[in-house]
C-alpha atoms as a PDB file:
ATOM      1  CA  UNK A   1     -18.505  15.249  21.576  1.00  0.00           C
ATOM      2  CA  UNK A   2     -14.732  15.037  21.678  1.00  0.00           C
ATOM      3  CA  UNK A   3     -12.664  12.119  20.480  1.00  0.00           C
ATOM      4  CA  UNK A   4     -11.277   9.580  22.899  1.00  0.00           C
ATOM      5  CA  UNK A   5      -7.792  10.506  24.050  1.00  0.00           C
ATOM      6  CA  UNK A   6      -4.787   8.294  23.432  1.00  0.00           C
ATOM      7  CA  UNK A   7      -1.237   8.787  22.248  1.00  0.00           C
ATOM      8  CA  UNK A   8      -0.286   7.822  18.707  1.00  0.00           C
ATOM      9  CA  UNK A   9       1.365   4.389  18.530  1.00  0.00           C
ATOM     10  CA  UNK A  10       5.017   3.677  17.767  1.00  0.00           C
ATOM     11  CA  UNK A  11       4.205   2.775  14.148  1.00  0.00           C
ATOM     12  CA  UNK A  12       2.054   4.872  11.803  1.00  0.00           C
ATOM     13  CA  UNK A  13       1.426   3.789   8.219  1.00  0.00           C
ATOM     14  CA  UNK A  14       2.678   6.384   5.704  1.00  0.00           C
ATOM     15  CA  UNK A  15       0.000   7.472   3.224  1.00  0.00           C
ATOM     16  CA  UNK A  16      -1.751   4.271   4.268  1.00  0.00           C
ATOM     17  CA  UNK A  17       0.881   1.624   3.590  1.00  0.00           C
ATOM     18  CA  UNK A  18       2.570   3.196   0.584  1.00  0.00           C
ATOM     19  CA  UNK A  19       5.069   0.385   0.129  1.00  0.00           C
ATOM     20  CA  UNK A  20       2.312  -2.150  -0.369  1.00  0.00           C
ATOM     21  CA  UNK A  21      -0.621  -0.275  -1.906  1.00  0.00           C
ATOM     22  CA  UNK A  22      -1.312   2.988  -3.747  1.00  0.00           C
ATOM     23  CA  UNK A  23      -0.759   5.989  -1.502  1.00  0.00           C
ATOM     24  CA  UNK A  24      -3.638   8.019  -0.095  1.00  0.00           C
ATOM     25  CA  UNK A  25      -6.290   5.463  -1.028  1.00  0.00           C
ATOM     26  CA  UNK A  26      -8.749   3.402   0.938  1.00  0.00           C
ATOM     27  CA  UNK A  27      -6.930   0.312  -0.325  1.00  0.00           C
ATOM     28  CA  UNK A  28      -3.771   1.657   1.274  1.00  0.00           C
ATOM     29  CA  UNK A  29      -5.528   2.154   4.588  1.00  0.00           C
ATOM     30  CA  UNK A  30      -6.917  -1.375   4.437  1.00  0.00           C
ATOM     31  CA  UNK A  31      -3.437  -2.685   3.688  1.00  0.00           C
ATOM     32  CA  UNK A  32      -1.999  -0.862   6.700  1.00  0.00           C
ATOM     33  CA  UNK A  33      -4.721  -2.345   8.870  1.00  0.00           C
ATOM     34  CA  UNK A  34      -3.983  -5.786   7.485  1.00  0.00           C
ATOM     35  CA  UNK A  35      -0.344  -5.427   8.497  1.00  0.00           C
ATOM     36  CA  UNK A  36      -1.331  -4.555  12.045  1.00  0.00           C
ATOM     37  CA  UNK A  37      -1.047  -0.770  11.931  1.00  0.00           C
ATOM     38  CA  UNK A  38      -3.521   0.982  14.209  1.00  0.00           C
ATOM     39  CA  UNK A  39      -2.898   4.490  12.792  1.00  0.00           C
ATOM     40  CA  UNK A  40      -2.250   5.871   9.334  1.00  0.00           C
ATOM     41  CA  UNK A  41      -0.965   9.157   7.960  1.00  0.00           C
ATOM     42  CA  UNK A  42      -2.540  10.630   4.822  1.00  0.00           C
ATOM     43  CA  UNK A  43      -2.373  13.895   2.869  1.00  0.00           C
ATOM     44  CA  UNK A  44      -5.376  16.151   2.315  1.00  0.00           C
ATOM     45  CA  UNK A  45      -5.822  18.855  -0.334  1.00  0.00           C
ATOM     46  CA  UNK A  46      -8.753  20.904  -1.603  1.00  0.00           C
ATOM     47  CA  UNK A  47     -10.414  20.587  -4.968  1.00  0.00           C
ATOM     48  CA  UNK A  48     -11.387  23.720  -6.855  1.00  0.00           C
ATOM     49  CA  UNK A  49     -14.821  23.637  -5.234  1.00  0.00           C
ATOM     50  CA  UNK A  50     -13.441  23.176  -1.720  1.00  0.00           C
ATOM     51  CA  UNK A  51     -13.845  19.437  -1.144  1.00  0.00           C
ATOM     52  CA  UNK A  52     -11.056  17.864   0.961  1.00  0.00           C
ATOM     53  CA  UNK A  53      -9.596  14.853  -0.871  1.00  0.00           C
ATOM     54  CA  UNK A  54      -6.673  12.517  -0.266  1.00  0.00           C
ATOM     55  CA  UNK A  55      -3.806  13.568  -2.521  1.00  0.00           C
ATOM     56  CA  UNK A  56      -0.129  14.377  -2.092  1.00  0.00           C
ATOM     57  CA  UNK A  57       0.854  16.161  -5.300  1.00  0.00           C
ATOM     58  CA  UNK A  58      -0.419  19.478  -6.603  1.00  0.00           C
ATOM     59  CA  UNK A  59      -1.137  17.723  -9.912  1.00  0.00           C
ATOM     60  CA  UNK A  60      -2.995  14.512 -10.622  1.00  0.00           C
ATOM     61  CA  UNK A  61      -0.722  12.894 -13.165  1.00  0.00           C
ATOM     62  CA  UNK A  62       1.676  10.836 -11.014  1.00  0.00           C
ATOM     63  CA  UNK A  63      -0.891   8.870  -9.038  1.00  0.00           C
ATOM     64  CA  UNK A  64      -4.025   8.860 -11.191  1.00  0.00           C
ATOM     65  CA  UNK A  65      -5.192   8.423 -14.738  1.00  0.00           C
ATOM     66  CA  UNK A  66      -5.974  12.133 -15.001  1.00  0.00           C
ATOM     67  CA  UNK A  67      -4.061  15.270 -15.862  1.00  0.00           C
ATOM     68  CA  UNK A  68      -4.338  18.750 -14.419  1.00  0.00           C
ATOM     69  CA  UNK A  69      -3.901  20.657 -11.194  1.00  0.00           C
ATOM     70  CA  UNK A  70      -5.937  19.586  -8.169  1.00  0.00           C
ATOM     71  CA  UNK A  71      -6.761  23.215  -7.415  1.00  0.00           C
ATOM     72  CA  UNK A  72      -8.404  23.587 -10.825  1.00  0.00           C
ATOM     73  CA  UNK A  73     -10.554  20.452 -10.664  1.00  0.00           C
ATOM     74  CA  UNK A  74     -14.019  20.150  -9.170  1.00  0.00           C
ATOM     75  CA  UNK A  75     -14.606  17.091  -7.017  1.00  0.00           C
ATOM     76  CA  UNK A  76     -17.103  15.659  -9.499  1.00  0.00           C
ATOM     77  CA  UNK A  77     -14.457  15.752 -12.237  1.00  0.00           C
ATOM     78  CA  UNK A  78     -12.276  13.326 -10.282  1.00  0.00           C
ATOM     79  CA  UNK A  79     -14.783  10.473 -10.433  1.00  0.00           C
ATOM     80  CA  UNK A  80     -13.148   9.023 -13.540  1.00  0.00           C
ATOM     81  CA  UNK A  81      -9.616   9.129 -12.175  1.00  0.00           C
ATOM     82  CA  UNK A  82      -7.915   5.835 -11.331  1.00  0.00           C
ATOM     83  CA  UNK A  83      -5.765   6.211  -8.205  1.00  0.00           C
ATOM     84  CA  UNK A  84      -4.573   2.607  -8.162  1.00  0.00           C
ATOM     85  CA  UNK A  85      -3.536   1.409 -11.614  1.00  0.00           C
ATOM     86  CA  UNK A  86      -0.206   3.285 -11.546  1.00  0.00           C
ATOM     87  CA  UNK A  87       0.851   1.156  -8.577  1.00  0.00           C
ATOM     88  CA  UNK A  88      -0.348  -2.264  -9.738  1.00  0.00           C
ATOM     89  CA  UNK A  89      -3.057  -3.835 -11.884  1.00  0.00           C
ATOM     90  CA  UNK A  90      -4.339  -5.319  -8.629  1.00  0.00           C
ATOM     91  CA  UNK A  91      -5.588  -1.860  -7.674  1.00  0.00           C
ATOM     92  CA  UNK A  92      -7.128  -0.761 -10.983  1.00  0.00           C
ATOM     93  CA  UNK A  93     -10.217   1.362 -10.491  1.00  0.00           C
ATOM     94  CA  UNK A  94      -9.298   2.587  -7.011  1.00  0.00           C
ATOM     95  CA  UNK A  95     -10.991   5.991  -6.588  1.00  0.00           C
ATOM     96  CA  UNK A  96      -9.598   9.189  -5.121  1.00  0.00           C
ATOM     97  CA  UNK A  97     -11.144   9.267  -1.642  1.00  0.00           C
ATOM     98  CA  UNK A  98     -12.672  12.279   0.004  1.00  0.00           C
ATOM     99  CA  UNK A  99     -11.819  13.037   3.614  1.00  0.00           C
ATOM    100  CA  UNK A 100     -15.329  11.885   4.515  1.00  0.00           C
ATOM    101  CA  UNK A 101     -14.721   8.545   2.755  1.00  0.00           C
ATOM    102  CA  UNK A 102     -11.528   8.082   4.751  1.00  0.00           C
ATOM    103  CA  UNK A 103     -13.094   8.808   8.120  1.00  0.00           C
ATOM    104  CA  UNK A 104     -15.925   6.384   7.407  1.00  0.00           C
ATOM    105  CA  UNK A 105     -13.412   3.608   6.728  1.00  0.00           C
ATOM    106  CA  UNK A 106     -11.311   4.459   9.778  1.00  0.00           C
ATOM    107  CA  UNK A 107     -14.447   4.205  11.910  1.00  0.00           C
ATOM    108  CA  UNK A 108     -15.145   0.753  10.459  1.00  0.00           C
ATOM    109  CA  UNK A 109     -11.554  -0.351  11.152  1.00  0.00           C
ATOM    110  CA  UNK A 110     -11.215   1.464  14.518  1.00  0.00           C
ATOM    111  CA  UNK A 111      -8.037   3.214  13.333  1.00  0.00           C
ATOM    112  CA  UNK A 112      -6.424   6.490  14.346  1.00  0.00           C
ATOM    113  CA  UNK A 113      -5.205   9.215  12.008  1.00  0.00           C
ATOM    114  CA  UNK A 114      -2.407  11.674  11.422  1.00  0.00           C
ATOM    115  CA  UNK A 115      -3.962  14.045   8.887  1.00  0.00           C
ATOM    116  CA  UNK A 116      -1.377  16.054   6.978  1.00  0.00           C
ATOM    117  CA  UNK A 117      -2.687  19.269   5.462  1.00  0.00           C
ATOM    118  CA  UNK A 118      -0.905  19.446   2.110  1.00  0.00           C
ATOM    119  CA  UNK A 119      -2.134  22.694   0.551  1.00  0.00           C
ATOM    120  CA  UNK A 120      -1.724  23.477  -3.110  1.00  0.00           C
ATOM    121  CA  UNK A 121       0.584  26.473  -3.638  1.00  0.00           C
ATOM    122  CA  UNK A 122      -1.181  29.678  -2.657  1.00  0.00           C
ATOM    123  CA  UNK A 123      -4.012  27.881  -0.830  1.00  0.00           C
ATOM    124  CA  UNK A 124      -2.351  27.457   2.560  1.00  0.00           C
ATOM    125  CA  UNK A 125      -4.757  29.429   4.725  1.00  0.00           C
ATOM    126  CA  UNK A 126      -7.785  28.427   2.665  1.00  0.00           C
ATOM    127  CA  UNK A 127      -6.970  24.738   3.003  1.00  0.00           C
ATOM    128  CA  UNK A 128      -6.240  24.891   6.717  1.00  0.00           C
ATOM    129  CA  UNK A 129      -9.491  26.717   7.367  1.00  0.00           C
ATOM    130  CA  UNK A 130     -11.607  24.502   5.100  1.00  0.00           C
ATOM    131  CA  UNK A 131     -10.314  21.271   6.627  1.00  0.00           C
ATOM    132  CA  UNK A 132     -10.906  22.635  10.132  1.00  0.00           C
ATOM    133  CA  UNK A 133     -14.486  23.473   9.246  1.00  0.00           C
ATOM    134  CA  UNK A 134     -15.339  19.861   8.380  1.00  0.00           C
ATOM    135  CA  UNK A 135     -12.863  17.490  10.010  1.00  0.00           C
ATOM    136  CA  UNK A 136     -13.804  17.834  13.704  1.00  0.00           C
ATOM    137  CA  UNK A 137     -17.465  17.221  12.875  1.00  0.00           C
ATOM    138  CA  UNK A 138     -16.571  14.130  10.824  1.00  0.00           C
ATOM    139  CA  UNK A 139     -14.295  12.555  13.430  1.00  0.00           C
ATOM    140  CA  UNK A 140     -16.036   9.856  15.522  1.00  0.00           C
ATOM    141  CA  UNK A 141     -15.852  10.306  19.276  1.00  0.00           C
ATOM    142  CA  UNK A 142     -15.055   6.611  19.732  1.00  0.00           C
ATOM    143  CA  UNK A 143     -11.766   6.864  17.816  1.00  0.00           C
ATOM    144  CA  UNK A 144      -8.462   8.124  19.281  1.00  0.00           C
ATOM    145  CA  UNK A 145      -8.007  11.877  19.062  1.00  0.00           C
ATOM    146  CA  UNK A 146      -6.290  12.583  15.721  1.00  0.00           C
ATOM    147  CA  UNK A 147      -3.157  14.590  15.001  1.00  0.00           C
ATOM    148  CA  UNK A 148      -3.248  17.346  12.376  1.00  0.00           C
ATOM    149  CA  UNK A 149       0.128  18.187  10.839  1.00  0.00           C
ATOM    150  CA  UNK A 150       1.577  20.275   8.031  1.00  0.00           C
ATOM    151  CA  UNK A 151       4.768  21.733   6.628  1.00  0.00           C
ATOM    152  CA  UNK A 152       2.810  24.977   6.266  1.00  0.00           C
ATOM    153  CA  UNK A 153       2.776  27.302   9.273  1.00  0.00           C
ATOM    154  CA  UNK A 154       0.008  29.311   7.621  1.00  0.00           C
ATOM    155  CA  UNK A 155      -2.182  26.236   7.151  1.00  0.00           C
ATOM    156  CA  UNK A 156      -1.706  25.186  10.774  1.00  0.00           C
ATOM    157  CA  UNK A 157      -2.482  28.693  12.025  1.00  0.00           C
ATOM    158  CA  UNK A 158      -5.659  28.822   9.943  1.00  0.00           C
ATOM    159  CA  UNK A 159      -6.668  25.386  11.205  1.00  0.00           C
ATOM    160  CA  UNK A 160      -6.034  26.360  14.824  1.00  0.00           C
ATOM    161  CA  UNK A 161      -8.145  29.487  14.489  1.00  0.00           C
ATOM    162  CA  UNK A 162     -11.175  27.333  13.654  1.00  0.00           C
ATOM    163  CA  UNK A 163     -10.473  24.086  15.554  1.00  0.00           C
ATOM    164  CA  UNK A 164      -8.023  24.810  18.380  1.00  0.00           C
ATOM    165  CA  UNK A 165      -8.783  21.660  20.387  1.00  0.00           C
ATOM    166  CA  UNK A 166      -7.206  19.135  18.041  1.00  0.00           C
ATOM    167  CA  UNK A 167      -3.521  18.288  18.451  1.00  0.00           C
ATOM    168  CA  UNK A 168      -1.286  19.904  15.838  1.00  0.00           C
ATOM    169  CA  UNK A 169       2.279  19.221  14.725  1.00  0.00           C
ATOM    170  CA  UNK A 170       4.696  21.026  12.433  1.00  0.00           C
ATOM    171  CA  UNK A 171       6.486  18.905   9.841  1.00  0.00           C
ATOM    172  CA  UNK A 172      10.077  19.912   9.101  1.00  0.00           C
ATOM    173  CA  UNK A 173      12.929  18.755   6.916  1.00  0.00           C
ATOM    174  CA  UNK A 174      15.657  20.436   8.951  1.00  0.00           C
ATOM    175  CA  UNK A 175      14.669  21.631  12.409  1.00  0.00           C
ATOM    176  CA  UNK A 176      14.538  25.449  12.196  1.00  0.00           C
ATOM    177  CA  UNK A 177      16.340  27.522  14.796  1.00  0.00           C
ATOM    178  CA  UNK A 178      13.063  29.172  15.821  1.00  0.00           C
ATOM    179  CA  UNK A 179      11.113  25.924  16.198  1.00  0.00           C
ATOM    180  CA  UNK A 180      10.273  26.624  19.849  1.00  0.00           C
ATOM    181  CA  UNK A 181       8.830  30.053  19.041  1.00  0.00           C
ATOM    182  CA  UNK A 182       6.758  28.583  16.213  1.00  0.00           C
ATOM    183  CA  UNK A 183       5.495  25.807  18.471  1.00  0.00           C
ATOM    184  CA  UNK A 184       4.470  28.296  21.124  1.00  0.00           C
ATOM    185  CA  UNK A 185       2.747  30.596  18.677  1.00  0.00           C
ATOM    186  CA  UNK A 186       0.770  27.769  17.064  1.00  0.00           C
ATOM    187  CA  UNK A 187       0.064  25.807  20.234  1.00  0.00           C
ATOM    188  CA  UNK A 188       1.810  22.710  18.866  1.00  0.00           C
ATOM    189  CA  UNK A 189       2.083  19.436  20.742  1.00  0.00           C
ATOM    190  CA  UNK A 190       4.677  17.740  18.522  1.00  0.00           C
ATOM    191  CA  UNK A 191       7.320  18.126  15.853  1.00  0.00           C
ATOM    192  CA  UNK A 192       7.380  15.713  12.916  1.00  0.00           C
ATOM    193  CA  UNK A 193      10.967  15.504  11.709  1.00  0.00           C
ATOM    194  CA  UNK A 194      12.862  13.992   8.792  1.00  0.00           C
ATOM    195  CA  UNK A 195      14.441  10.880  10.286  1.00  0.00           C
ATOM    196  CA  UNK A 196      17.596  11.205   8.199  1.00  0.00           C
ATOM    197  CA  UNK A 197      18.305  14.783   9.296  1.00  0.00           C
ATOM    198  CA  UNK A 198      17.272  14.680  12.940  1.00  0.00           C
ATOM    199  CA  UNK A 199      19.984  14.682  15.623  1.00  0.00           C
ATOM    200  CA  UNK A 200      19.779  13.024  19.022  1.00  0.00           C
ATOM    201  CA  UNK A 201      20.335  16.274  20.899  1.00  0.00           C
ATOM    202  CA  UNK A 202      17.450  17.846  18.967  1.00  0.00           C
ATOM    203  CA  UNK A 203      15.101  15.129  20.198  1.00  0.00           C
ATOM    204  CA  UNK A 204      16.156  15.921  23.750  1.00  0.00           C
ATOM    205  CA  UNK A 205      15.658  19.663  23.190  1.00  0.00           C
ATOM    206  CA  UNK A 206      12.181  19.193  21.718  1.00  0.00           C
ATOM    207  CA  UNK A 207      11.143  16.887  24.531  1.00  0.00           C
ATOM    208  CA  UNK A 208      12.494  19.330  27.106  1.00  0.00           C
ATOM    209  CA  UNK A 209      10.084  21.881  25.669  1.00  0.00           C
ATOM    210  CA  UNK A 210       7.197  19.489  26.340  1.00  0.00           C
ATOM    211  CA  UNK A 211       6.677  18.371  22.758  1.00  0.00           C
ATOM    212  CA  UNK A 212       6.554  14.870  21.282  1.00  0.00           C
ATOM    213  CA  UNK A 213       8.873  13.909  18.429  1.00  0.00           C
ATOM    214  CA  UNK A 214       7.718  11.757  15.513  1.00  0.00           C
ATOM    215  CA  UNK A 215       9.758  10.883  12.435  1.00  0.00           C
ATOM    216  CA  UNK A 216       9.144  10.247   8.746  1.00  0.00           C
ATOM    217  CA  UNK A 217       9.698   8.285   6.496  1.00  0.00           C
ATOM    218  CA  UNK A 218      11.277   5.322   8.290  1.00  0.00           C
ATOM    219  CA  UNK A 219      11.486   2.089   6.297  1.00  0.00           C
ATOM    220  CA  UNK A 220      14.488   0.529   8.004  1.00  0.00           C
ATOM    221  CA  UNK A 221      13.979  -1.365  11.245  1.00  0.00           C
ATOM    222  CA  UNK A 222      17.431  -0.529  12.582  1.00  0.00           C
ATOM    223  CA  UNK A 223      16.817   3.178  12.060  1.00  0.00           C
ATOM    224  CA  UNK A 224      13.486   2.861  13.850  1.00  0.00           C
ATOM    225  CA  UNK A 225      15.145   1.155  16.815  1.00  0.00           C
ATOM    226  CA  UNK A 226      17.747   3.926  17.017  1.00  0.00           C
ATOM    227  CA  UNK A 227      15.075   6.626  16.935  1.00  0.00           C
ATOM    228  CA  UNK A 228      13.019   4.927  19.616  1.00  0.00           C
ATOM    229  CA  UNK A 229      16.185   4.747  21.692  1.00  0.00           C
ATOM    230  CA  UNK A 230      16.505   8.517  21.361  1.00  0.00           C
ATOM    231  CA  UNK A 231      12.978   8.952  22.690  1.00  0.00           C
ATOM    232  CA  UNK A 232      11.089   9.397  19.413  1.00  0.00           C
ATOM    233  CA  UNK A 233       7.425   8.611  20.041  1.00  0.00           C
ATOM    234  CA  UNK A 234       6.399   7.355  16.593  1.00  0.00           C
ATOM    235  CA  UNK A 235       7.812   6.554  13.183  1.00  0.00           C
ATOM    236  CA  UNK A 236       5.813   6.927   9.979  1.00  0.00           C
ATOM    237  CA  UNK A 237       6.556   4.103   7.551  1.00  0.00           C
ATOM    238  CA  UNK A 238       5.675   2.910   4.059  1.00  0.00           C
ATOM    239  CA  UNK A 239       6.176  -0.600   5.423  1.00  0.00           C
ATOM    240  CA  UNK A 240       4.557  -0.758   8.852  1.00  0.00           C
ATOM    241  CA  UNK A 241       4.983  -4.539   8.795  1.00  0.00           C
ATOM    242  CA  UNK A 242       8.798  -4.160   8.766  1.00  0.00           C
ATOM    243  CA  UNK A 243       8.993  -1.947  11.822  1.00  0.00           C
ATOM    244  CA  UNK A 244      10.065  -3.313  15.236  1.00  0.00           C
END
């Protein structure tokens, strides 16, 4: 079965609702939902034994009570890590979710997803392929069709080779001069651009090529209004409650 089709909304919660709750946790997703967000963006990496988990950094130290590289840890070793205490005592004991944990919660909350593939260095193709092998089977048909994005061209290419049907987007800091060629080669449907570096004429160029434009990380309502005025489809925000 394929997921229900719908466009991503104007507002997407960044790493859940990273301004209000620990990033890339189920608590963060619940917070985004509580603030009215209908979609969230999260980061996915692979553990040493190939389990997709929600994590942004290549190492565990910043956002958990553990030390070490994600790529060198087995999933079972992460059970004792606290992914919430660093943010606030309110979130002490928050676990590191697996991708399967996330999808189960999204199904309960009827939320959509922008899944960012965030491979550890040197694991770009491996991560893209591994996520593609499990994610489409996990995704409920009743939910909106998700968007899979990444800064890594190699990860997106590996994902597309396994699961070509799902929408994919390239994330960029500065829009590269060969963005159109990359989009064509990877079968992209959107570009996810740094809001502070994107130019109005670039939005028009991307749209003229038939691609959607979404922007990160937008925490100022006036900036969001300006971007929407340019034709940007969605903004990804730590504070979805502050967006117009």
